[in-house]
PDB file of N, CA and C in Angstrom:
ATOM      1  N   MET A   1     117.939  81.444 112.596  1.00  0.00           N
ATOM      2  CA  MET A   1     117.685  82.852 113.282  1.00  0.00           C
ATOM      3  C   MET A   1     117.178  83.814 112.368  1.00  0.00           C
ATOM      4  N   ALA A   2     117.264  84.008 111.099  1.00  0.00           N
ATOM      5  CA  ALA A   2     116.890  84.874 110.304  1.00  0.00           C
ATOM      6  C   ALA A   2     115.293  84.234 109.747  1.00  0.00           C
ATOM      7  N   THR A   3     114.976  83.315 109.889  1.00  0.00           N
ATOM      8  CA  THR A   3     113.830  82.522 109.610  1.00  0.00           C
ATOM      9  C   THR A   3     113.020  82.511 110.860  1.00  0.00           C
ATOM     10  N   LEU A   4     113.073  82.673 111.974  1.00  0.00           N
ATOM     11  CA  LEU A   4     112.786  83.007 113.229  1.00  0.00           C
ATOM     12  C   LEU A   4     111.942  84.475 113.107  1.00  0.00           C
ATOM     13  N   SER A   5     113.353  85.052 113.244  1.00  0.00           N
ATOM     14  CA  SER A   5     113.043  86.388 112.880  1.00  0.00           C
ATOM     15  C   SER A   5     112.471  86.985 112.047  1.00  0.00           C
ATOM     16  N   GLY A   6     112.123  86.547 111.133  1.00  0.00           N
ATOM     17  CA  GLY A   6     110.780  86.634 109.939  1.00  0.00           C
ATOM     18  C   GLY A   6     109.738  86.527 110.163  1.00  0.00           C
ATOM     19  N   PHE A   7     109.583  85.723 111.022  1.00  0.00           N
ATOM     20  CA  PHE A   7     108.435  84.935 111.305  1.00  0.00           C
ATOM     21  C   PHE A   7     107.918  85.644 112.390  1.00  0.00           C
ATOM     22  N   TYR A   8     108.624  86.354 113.593  1.00  0.00           N
ATOM     23  CA  TYR A   8     108.230  86.986 114.605  1.00  0.00           C
ATOM     24  C   TYR A   8     107.675  88.157 113.650  1.00  0.00           C
ATOM     25  N   GLY A   9     108.314  88.841 112.861  1.00  0.00           N
ATOM     26  CA  GLY A   9     108.457  89.911 111.819  1.00  0.00           C
ATOM     27  C   GLY A   9     106.724  89.933 111.404  1.00  0.00           C
ATOM     28  N   ALA A  10     106.692  88.965 110.387  1.00  0.00           N
ATOM     29  CA  ALA A  10     105.392  88.789 110.076  1.00  0.00           C
ATOM     30  C   ALA A  10     104.028  88.842 111.455  1.00  0.00           C
ATOM     31  N   LEU A  11     104.293  88.057 112.365  1.00  0.00           N
ATOM     32  CA  LEU A  11     103.259  87.710 112.940  1.00  0.00           C
ATOM     33  C   LEU A  11     102.739  89.204 113.632  1.00  0.00           C
ATOM     34  N   ALA A  12     104.282  90.018 114.173  1.00  0.00           N
ATOM     35  CA  ALA A  12     103.714  91.376 115.012  1.00  0.00           C
ATOM     36  C   ALA A  12     102.759  92.414 113.588  1.00  0.00           C
ATOM     37  N   ALA A  13     103.544  91.833 112.303  1.00  0.00           N
ATOM     38  CA  ALA A  13     102.290  92.372 110.966  1.00  0.00           C
ATOM     39  C   ALA A  13     100.850  92.249 111.139  1.00  0.00           C
ATOM     40  N   VAL A  14     100.693  90.884 111.574  1.00  0.00           N
ATOM     41  CA  VAL A  14      99.313  90.584 111.971  1.00  0.00           C
ATOM     42  C   VAL A  14      98.834  91.174 112.748  1.00  0.00           C
ATOM     43  N   LEU A  15      99.235  91.133 113.628  1.00  0.00           N
ATOM     44  CA  LEU A  15      98.673  91.542 115.032  1.00  0.00           C
ATOM     45  C   LEU A  15      98.400  93.198 114.754  1.00  0.00           C
ATOM     46  N   ALA A  16      99.558  93.786 114.103  1.00  0.00           N
ATOM     47  CA  ALA A  16      99.039  95.120 114.300  1.00  0.00           C
ATOM     48  C   ALA A  16      97.981  95.283 113.251  1.00  0.00           C
ATOM     49  N   MET A  17      97.443  94.877 112.018  1.00  0.00           N
ATOM     50  CA  MET A  17      96.646  94.702 111.468  1.00  0.00           C
ATOM     51  C   MET A  17      95.167  94.521 111.558  1.00  0.00           C
ATOM     52  N   VAL A  18      95.305  93.958 112.744  1.00  0.00           N
ATOM     53  CA  VAL A  18      93.902  92.992 113.923  1.00  0.00           C
ATOM     54  C   VAL A  18      93.713  94.236 114.179  1.00  0.00           C
ATOM     55  N   GLY A  19      94.648  95.322 114.918  1.00  0.00           N
ATOM     56  CA  GLY A  19      94.504  95.517 116.044  1.00  0.00           C
ATOM     57  C   GLY A  19      94.175  97.299 115.357  1.00  0.00           C
ATOM     58  N   LEU A  20      94.876  97.735 114.253  1.00  0.00           N
ATOM     59  CA  LEU A  20      93.868  98.950 113.355  1.00  0.00           C
ATOM     60  C   LEU A  20      92.295  98.573 112.760  1.00  0.00           C
ATOM     61  N   TYR A  21      92.019  97.089 112.585  1.00  0.00           N
ATOM     62  CA  TYR A  21      90.839  96.789 111.903  1.00  0.00           C
ATOM     63  C   TYR A  21      89.910  96.931 113.717  1.00  0.00           C
ATOM     64  N   GLY A  22      90.577  96.732 114.566  1.00  0.00           N
ATOM     65  CA  GLY A  22      89.768  96.392 116.108  1.00  0.00           C
ATOM     66  C   GLY A  22      89.344  98.253 116.467  1.00  0.00           C
ATOM     67  N   ILE A  23      90.510  99.092 115.649  1.00  0.00           N
ATOM     68  CA  ILE A  23      90.156 100.503 116.124  1.00  0.00           C
ATOM     69  C   ILE A  23      89.555 100.937 115.088  1.00  0.00           C
ATOM     70  N   VAL A  24      89.412 101.049 114.189  1.00  0.00           N
ATOM     71  CA  VAL A  24      88.701 101.616 112.840  1.00  0.00           C
ATOM     72  C   VAL A  24      87.052 100.810 113.257  1.00  0.00           C
ATOM     73  N   SER A  25      86.830  99.530 113.064  1.00  0.00           N
ATOM     74  CA  SER A  25      85.552  99.218 114.139  1.00  0.00           C
ATOM     75  C   SER A  25      84.982  99.765 115.267  1.00  0.00           C
ATOM     76  N   TYR A  26      85.568  99.728 115.697  1.00  0.00           N
ATOM     77  CA  TYR A  26      84.979 100.628 116.975  1.00  0.00           C
ATOM     78  C   TYR A  26      84.604 101.613 117.374  1.00  0.00           C
ATOM     79  N   MET A  27      85.906 102.527 116.640  1.00  0.00           N
ATOM     80  CA  MET A  27      85.126 104.285 115.909  1.00  0.00           C
ATOM     81  C   MET A  27      84.190 104.172 115.402  1.00  0.00           C
ATOM     82  N   VAL A  28      83.594 103.000 114.333  1.00  0.00           N
ATOM     83  CA  VAL A  28      82.938 103.134 113.395  1.00  0.00           C
ATOM     84  C   VAL A  28      81.607 103.762 114.138  1.00  0.00           C
ATOM     85  N   ILE A  29      81.585 101.919 115.150  1.00  0.00           N
ATOM     86  CA  ILE A  29      80.113 101.573 115.579  1.00  0.00           C
ATOM     87  C   ILE A  29      79.939 102.822 116.802  1.00  0.00           C
ATOM     88  N   ARG A  30      81.103 103.198 117.506  1.00  0.00           N
ATOM     89  CA  ARG A  30      80.428 104.324 118.492  1.00  0.00           C
ATOM     90  C   ARG A  30      80.125 105.648 117.512  1.00  0.00           C
ATOM     91  N   ARG A  31      80.938 106.289 116.692  1.00  0.00           N
ATOM     92  CA  ARG A  31      80.017 107.089 115.864  1.00  0.00           C
ATOM     93  C   ARG A  31      78.906 106.736 114.814  1.00  0.00           C
ATOM     94  N   GLY A  32      78.408 106.138 115.450  1.00  0.00           N
ATOM     95  CA  GLY A  32      77.363 104.868 114.140  1.00  0.00           C
ATOM     96  C   GLY A  32      76.261 106.374 113.789  1.00  0.00           C
ATOM     97  N   ASN A  33      75.154 106.954 115.250  1.00  0.00           N
ATOM     98  CA  ASN A  33      74.646 108.053 115.010  1.00  0.00           C
ATOM     99  C   ASN A  33      74.800 108.725 114.376  1.00  0.00           C
ATOM    100  N   GLU A  34      75.774 109.204 114.918  1.00  0.00           N
ATOM    101  CA  GLU A  34      76.392 110.553 114.315  1.00  0.00           C
ATOM    102  C   GLU A  34      76.673 110.418 112.703  1.00  0.00           C
ATOM    103  N   ILE A  35      77.291 109.154 112.107  1.00  0.00           N
ATOM    104  CA  ILE A  35      77.527 109.021 110.951  1.00  0.00           C
ATOM    105  C   ILE A  35      75.916 108.898 110.092  1.00  0.00           C
ATOM    106  N   GLY A  36      75.029 108.374 110.262  1.00  0.00           N
ATOM    107  CA  GLY A  36      73.554 108.573 110.359  1.00  0.00           C
ATOM    108  C   GLY A  36      73.050 109.835 110.244  1.00  0.00           C
ATOM    109  N   ILE A  37      72.942 110.488 111.096  1.00  0.00           N
ATOM    110  CA  ILE A  37      72.945 112.187 110.766  1.00  0.00           C
ATOM    111  C   ILE A  37      73.128 112.587 109.491  1.00  0.00           C
ATOM    112  N   ARG A  38      74.825 112.644 109.497  1.00  0.00           N
ATOM    113  CA  ARG A  38      75.131 113.674 108.445  1.00  0.00           C
ATOM    114  C   ARG A  38      74.840 112.837 107.306  1.00  0.00           C
ATOM    115  N   MET A  39      75.133 111.763 107.137  1.00  0.00           N
ATOM    116  CA  MET A  39      74.497 111.026 105.874  1.00  0.00           C
ATOM    117  C   MET A  39      72.997 111.607 105.513  1.00  0.00           C
ATOM    118  N   ALA A  40      71.803 111.747 106.541  1.00  0.00           N
ATOM    119  CA  ALA A  40      70.484 112.358 106.141  1.00  0.00           C
ATOM    120  C   ALA A  40      70.560 113.328 106.200  1.00  0.00           C
ATOM    121  N   MET A  41      72.147 114.296 106.517  1.00  0.00           N
ATOM    122  CA  MET A  41      71.376 115.979 106.463  1.00  0.00           C
ATOM    123  C   MET A  41      72.408 115.991 104.724  1.00  0.00           C
ATOM    124  N   GLY A  42      72.717 115.179 104.259  1.00  0.00           N
ATOM    125  CA  GLY A  42      73.354 115.579 102.702  1.00  0.00           C
ATOM    126  C   GLY A  42      74.439 114.778 102.771  1.00  0.00           C
ATOM    127  N   ALA A  43      75.081 114.092 103.643  1.00  0.00           N
ATOM    128  CA  ALA A  43      76.987 114.290 103.552  1.00  0.00           C
ATOM    129  C   ALA A  43      76.832 112.895 102.513  1.00  0.00           C
ATOM    130  N   ASP A  44      77.714 112.809 101.686  1.00  0.00           N
ATOM    131  CA  ASP A  44      78.304 112.160 100.687  1.00  0.00           C
ATOM    132  C   ASP A  44      79.014 110.997 101.366  1.00  0.00           C
ATOM    133  N   LYS A  45      79.044 109.918 100.653  1.00  0.00           N
ATOM    134  CA  LYS A  45      80.272 109.082 101.592  1.00  0.00           C
ATOM    135  C   LYS A  45      81.133 108.853 101.392  1.00  0.00           C
ATOM    136  N   ALA A  46      81.947 109.552 100.443  1.00  0.00           N
ATOM    137  CA  ALA A  46      83.438 109.891 100.505  1.00  0.00           C
ATOM    138  C   ALA A  46      83.805 111.164 101.247  1.00  0.00           C
ATOM    139  N   SER A  47      83.091 111.990 101.723  1.00  0.00           N
ATOM    140  CA  SER A  47      82.983 112.810 102.777  1.00  0.00           C
ATOM    141  C   SER A  47      83.235 111.758 104.861  1.00  0.00           C
ATOM    142  N   ILE A  48      82.212 110.986 104.468  1.00  0.00           N
ATOM    143  CA  ILE A  48      81.863 110.212 105.679  1.00  0.00           C
ATOM    144  C   ILE A  48      83.601 109.478 106.001  1.00  0.00           C
ATOM    145  N   LEU A  49      83.728 108.819 104.563  1.00  0.00           N
ATOM    146  CA  LEU A  49      85.239 107.878 104.799  1.00  0.00           C
ATOM    147  C   LEU A  49      86.339 108.836 104.651  1.00  0.00           C
ATOM    148  N   ARG A  50      86.345 109.960 104.295  1.00  0.00           N
ATOM    149  CA  ARG A  50      87.303 110.789 105.043  1.00  0.00           C
ATOM    150  C   ARG A  50      87.252 111.246 106.205  1.00  0.00           C
ATOM    151  N   MET A  51      86.254 111.264 106.781  1.00  0.00           N
ATOM    152  CA  MET A  51      86.587 111.836 108.024  1.00  0.00           C
ATOM    153  C   MET A  51      86.893 110.137 109.121  1.00  0.00           C
ATOM    154  N   ILE A  52      86.268 109.274 108.650  1.00  0.00           N
ATOM    155  CA  ILE A  52      86.413 108.046 109.467  1.00  0.00           C
ATOM    156  C   ILE A  52      87.782 107.782 109.180  1.00  0.00           C
ATOM    157  N   LEU A  53      88.764 108.212 108.035  1.00  0.00           N
ATOM    158  CA  LEU A  53      89.965 107.512 107.547  1.00  0.00           C
ATOM    159  C   LEU A  53      90.878 108.969 108.590  1.00  0.00           C
ATOM    160  N   ARG A  54      90.477 109.982 108.615  1.00  0.00           N
ATOM    161  CA  ARG A  54      91.136 111.021 108.953  1.00  0.00           C
ATOM    162  C   ARG A  54      91.262 110.705 110.460  1.00  0.00           C
ATOM    163  N   GLU A  55      90.423 110.480 111.450  1.00  0.00           N
ATOM    164  CA  GLU A  55      90.365 109.852 112.677  1.00  0.00           C
ATOM    165  C   GLU A  55      91.373 108.693 113.089  1.00  0.00           C
ATOM    166  N   ALA A  56      91.142 107.362 111.772  1.00  0.00           N
ATOM    167  CA  ALA A  56      91.687 106.622 112.108  1.00  0.00           C
ATOM    168  C   ALA A  56      92.817 106.080 112.336  1.00  0.00           C
ATOM    169  N   MET A  57      93.433 107.338 110.801  1.00  0.00           N
ATOM    170  CA  MET A  57      95.236 107.197 111.349  1.00  0.00           C
ATOM    171  C   MET A  57      95.703 108.429 111.868  1.00  0.00           C
ATOM    172  N   ALA A  58      95.451 108.732 112.745  1.00  0.00           N
ATOM    173  CA  ALA A  58      95.665 109.263 113.576  1.00  0.00           C
ATOM    174  C   ALA A  58      97.203 108.875 114.430  1.00  0.00           C
ATOM    175  N   LEU A  59      95.861 107.645 114.778  1.00  0.00           N
ATOM    176  CA  LEU A  59      96.613 106.762 116.006  1.00  0.00           C
ATOM    177  C   LEU A  59      98.466 106.536 115.404  1.00  0.00           C
ATOM    178  N   PRO A  60      97.972 105.192 114.346  1.00  0.00           N
ATOM    179  CA  PRO A  60      99.112 104.622 113.577  1.00  0.00           C
ATOM    180  C   PRO A  60     100.112 105.794 113.157  1.00  0.00           C
ATOM    181  N   GLY A  61      99.530 107.209 112.832  1.00  0.00           N
ATOM    182  CA  GLY A  61     101.039 107.912 112.031  1.00  0.00           C
ATOM    183  C   GLY A  61     101.650 108.351 113.438  1.00  0.00           C
ATOM    184  N   ALA A  62     101.172 108.581 114.331  1.00  0.00           N
ATOM    185  CA  ALA A  62     101.907 109.143 115.969  1.00  0.00           C
ATOM    186  C   ALA A  62     102.829 107.766 115.922  1.00  0.00           C
ATOM    187  N   GLY A  63     102.279 106.763 116.037  1.00  0.00           N
ATOM    188  CA  GLY A  63     103.016 105.342 116.254  1.00  0.00           C
ATOM    189  C   GLY A  63     104.175 105.807 115.432  1.00  0.00           C
ATOM    190  N   LEU A  64     103.754 105.675 113.889  1.00  0.00           N
ATOM    191  CA  LEU A  64     105.150 105.321 112.990  1.00  0.00           C
ATOM    192  C   LEU A  64     105.876 106.468 113.458  1.00  0.00           C
ATOM    193  N   ALA A  65     105.649 107.649 113.899  1.00  0.00           N
ATOM    194  CA  ALA A  65     106.625 109.076 114.133  1.00  0.00           C
ATOM    195  C   ALA A  65     107.693 108.853 115.058  1.00  0.00           C
ATOM    196  N   ILE A  66     106.890 108.263 116.269  1.00  0.00           N
ATOM    197  CA  ILE A  66     107.630 108.125 117.322  1.00  0.00           C
ATOM    198  C   ILE A  66     108.669 106.657 116.762  1.00  0.00           C
ATOM    199  N   GLY A  67     108.356 105.645 116.249  1.00  0.00           N
ATOM    200  CA  GLY A  67     108.648 104.245 116.032  1.00  0.00           C
ATOM    201  C   GLY A  67     110.321 104.790 115.220  1.00  0.00           C
ATOM    202  N   VAL A  68     109.682 105.626 114.245  1.00  0.00           N
ATOM    203  CA  VAL A  68     111.052 106.317 113.478  1.00  0.00           C
ATOM    204  C   VAL A  68     111.966 106.870 114.191  1.00  0.00           C
ATOM    205  N   VAL A  69     111.689 107.490 115.054  1.00  0.00           N
ATOM    206  CA  VAL A  69     112.429 108.467 115.688  1.00  0.00           C
ATOM    207  C   VAL A  69     113.517 107.233 116.691  1.00  0.00           C
ATOM    208  N   LEU A  70     112.649 106.503 117.256  1.00  0.00           N
ATOM    209  CA  LEU A  70     113.170 105.601 118.349  1.00  0.00           C
ATOM    210  C   LEU A  70     114.288 104.564 117.487  1.00  0.00           C
ATOM    211  N   VAL A  71     113.912 104.405 116.348  1.00  0.00           N
ATOM    212  CA  VAL A  71     114.568 103.558 115.061  1.00  0.00           C
ATOM    213  C   VAL A  71     116.021 103.960 114.988  1.00  0.00           C
ATOM    214  N   LEU A  72     115.847 105.423 114.832  1.00  0.00           N
ATOM    215  CA  LEU A  72     117.330 106.532 114.308  1.00  0.00           C
ATOM    216  C   LEU A  72     117.576 106.253 115.789  1.00  0.00           C
ATOM    217  N   ALA A  73     117.377 106.264 116.550  1.00  0.00           N
ATOM    218  CA  ALA A  73     117.942 106.911 117.840  1.00  0.00           C
ATOM    219  C   ALA A  73     118.177 105.507 118.393  1.00  0.00           C
ATOM    220  N   ALA A  74     118.187 104.739 117.892  1.00  0.00           N
ATOM    221  CA  ALA A  74     118.887 102.681 118.604  1.00  0.00           C
ATOM    222  C   ALA A  74     119.529 102.527 118.008  1.00  0.00           C
ATOM    223  N   GLY A  75     119.806 103.005 116.210  1.00  0.00           N
ATOM    224  CA  GLY A  75     120.506 102.225 115.166  1.00  0.00           C
ATOM    225  C   GLY A  75     122.092 102.447 115.717  1.00  0.00           C
ATOM    226  N   GLY A  76     122.771 102.937 116.272  1.00  0.00           N
ATOM    227  CA  GLY A  76     123.782 102.736 116.966  1.00  0.00           C
ATOM    228  C   GLY A  76     123.899 101.876 118.081  1.00  0.00           C
ATOM    229  N   LEU A  77     123.069 101.218 118.454  1.00  0.00           N
ATOM    230  CA  LEU A  77     123.459 100.047 119.624  1.00  0.00           C
ATOM    231  C   LEU A  77     123.028  98.971 118.983  1.00  0.00           C
ATOM    232  N   THR A  78     122.186  99.022 117.646  1.00  0.00           N
ATOM    233  CA  THR A  78     122.297  97.631 116.844  1.00  0.00           C
ATOM    234  C   THR A  78     123.131  97.599 116.070  1.00  0.00           C
ATOM    235  N   GLN A  79     124.101  97.810 115.610  1.00  0.00           N
ATOM    236  CA  GLN A  79     124.739  97.985 114.817  1.00  0.00           C
ATOM    237  C   GLN A  79     125.683  96.881 114.856  1.00  0.00           C
ATOM    238  N   ALA A  80     126.113  96.040 115.439  1.00  0.00           N
ATOM    239  CA  ALA A  80     127.051  94.564 115.406  1.00  0.00           C
ATOM    240  C   ALA A  80     126.294  93.754 115.351  1.00  0.00           C
ATOM    241  N   MET A  81     125.062  93.943 115.416  1.00  0.00           N
ATOM    242  CA  MET A  81     124.285  92.970 115.144  1.00  0.00           C
ATOM    243  C   MET A  81     123.802  92.850 113.296  1.00  0.00           C
ATOM    244  N   LEU A  82     123.989  93.789 112.746  1.00  0.00           N
ATOM    245  CA  LEU A  82     123.834  93.889 111.599  1.00  0.00           C
ATOM    246  C   LEU A  82     124.714  93.367 110.591  1.00  0.00           C
ATOM    247  N   TYR A  83     124.397  92.632 109.582  1.00  0.00           N
ATOM    248  CA  TYR A  83     125.463  92.137 108.823  1.00  0.00           C
ATOM    249  C   TYR A  83     125.134  92.414 107.439  1.00  0.00           C
ATOM    250  N   GLY A  84     125.964  93.684 106.690  1.00  0.00           N
ATOM    251  CA  GLY A  84     125.527  93.650 105.348  1.00  0.00           C
ATOM    252  C   GLY A  84     124.753  95.419 104.943  1.00  0.00           C
ATOM    253  N   ILE A  85     124.437  95.820 106.126  1.00  0.00           N
ATOM    254  CA  ILE A  85     123.567  96.588 106.292  1.00  0.00           C
ATOM    255  C   ILE A  85     124.184  98.031 107.447  1.00  0.00           C
ATOM    256  N   LYS A  86     123.256  99.647 107.158  1.00  0.00           N
ATOM    257  CA  LYS A  86     123.928 100.140 108.311  1.00  0.00           C
ATOM    258  C   LYS A  86     122.401 100.316 109.252  1.00  0.00           C
ATOM    259  N   ALA A  87     123.021 100.729 110.155  1.00  0.00           N
ATOM    260  CA  ALA A  87     121.735 100.844 110.957  1.00  0.00           C
ATOM    261  C   ALA A  87     120.708 101.520 110.828  1.00  0.00           C
ATOM    262  N   ASN A  88     121.337 102.546 110.108  1.00  0.00           N
ATOM    263  CA  ASN A  88     119.829 103.810 110.053  1.00  0.00           C
ATOM    264  C   ASN A  88     120.043 103.639 108.672  1.00  0.00           C
ATOM    265  N   ASP A  89     119.443 102.263 107.798  1.00  0.00           N
ATOM    266  CA  ASP A  89     118.966 102.382 106.663  1.00  0.00           C
ATOM    267  C   ASP A  89     117.891 102.532 106.216  1.00  0.00           C
ATOM    268  N   ALA A  90     117.963 103.842 104.931  1.00  0.00           N
ATOM    269  CA  ALA A  90     116.770 104.569 104.436  1.00  0.00           C
ATOM    270  C   ALA A  90     116.044 103.155 103.785  1.00  0.00           C
ATOM    271  N   VAL A  91     116.595 102.292 102.900  1.00  0.00           N
ATOM    272  CA  VAL A  91     116.260 101.431 102.281  1.00  0.00           C
ATOM    273  C   VAL A  91     115.642 100.509 102.614  1.00  0.00           C
ATOM    274  N   SER A  92     115.587  99.820 103.872  1.00  0.00           N
ATOM    275  CA  SER A  92     114.928  99.195 104.881  1.00  0.00           C
ATOM    276  C   SER A  92     114.000  99.411 105.881  1.00  0.00           C
ATOM    277  N   LEU A  93     114.397 100.912 106.269  1.00  0.00           N
ATOM    278  CA  LEU A  93     113.577 101.191 106.997  1.00  0.00           C
ATOM    279  C   LEU A  93     112.019 101.931 106.018  1.00  0.00           C
ATOM    280  N   ALA A  94     111.850 102.418 105.180  1.00  0.00           N
ATOM    281  CA  ALA A  94     111.301 102.832 104.160  1.00  0.00           C
ATOM    282  C   ALA A  94     110.255 102.099 103.519  1.00  0.00           C
ATOM    283  N   PRO A  95     110.062 100.734 103.423  1.00  0.00           N
ATOM    284  CA  PRO A  95     109.170  99.829 103.050  1.00  0.00           C
ATOM    285  C   PRO A  95     108.362  99.112 104.467  1.00  0.00           C
ATOM    286  N   ALA A  96     109.036  99.450 105.131  1.00  0.00           N
ATOM    287  CA  ALA A  96     108.380  98.813 107.008  1.00  0.00           C
ATOM    288  C   ALA A  96     107.756 100.015 107.053  1.00  0.00           C
ATOM    289  N   VAL A  97     107.709 101.022 107.313  1.00  0.00           N
ATOM    290  CA  VAL A  97     106.983 102.181 106.927  1.00  0.00           C
ATOM    291  C   VAL A  97     105.726 102.099 106.507  1.00  0.00           C
ATOM    292  N   ALA A  98     105.966 101.853 104.590  1.00  0.00           N
ATOM    293  CA  ALA A  98     105.214 101.896 103.974  1.00  0.00           C
ATOM    294  C   ALA A  98     104.065 100.719 104.177  1.00  0.00           C
ATOM    295  N   ALA A  99     104.706  99.465 104.716  1.00  0.00           N
ATOM    296  CA  ALA A  99     103.853  98.543 104.808  1.00  0.00           C
ATOM    297  C   ALA A  99     102.645  98.650 105.955  1.00  0.00           C
ATOM    298  N   VAL A 100     103.388  99.145 106.522  1.00  0.00           N
ATOM    299  CA  VAL A 100     102.180  99.800 108.109  1.00  0.00           C
ATOM    300  C   VAL A 100     100.887 100.597 107.678  1.00  0.00           C
TER     301      VAL A 100
END
């Protein structure tokens, strides 16, 4: 059961990475003209990269915030299924948030 759960967790992580790549790629393609104009007006690559990453990380940041709140709220419901850890274990939650 643990192997199957680990496999599904890894599959979910891969799907999340592919989805984030698609979002960032679509955003850059959609704003290609704007990026070209900004670079022609003298913007450096670092400021363009900051602009893209700031906009791209808004959606995953909101998702992480909502997800953490839901995990903490549903912790009591899953306590019976967990063995050896607490439902709201920060040691388990922090690496998952950092991985995303």
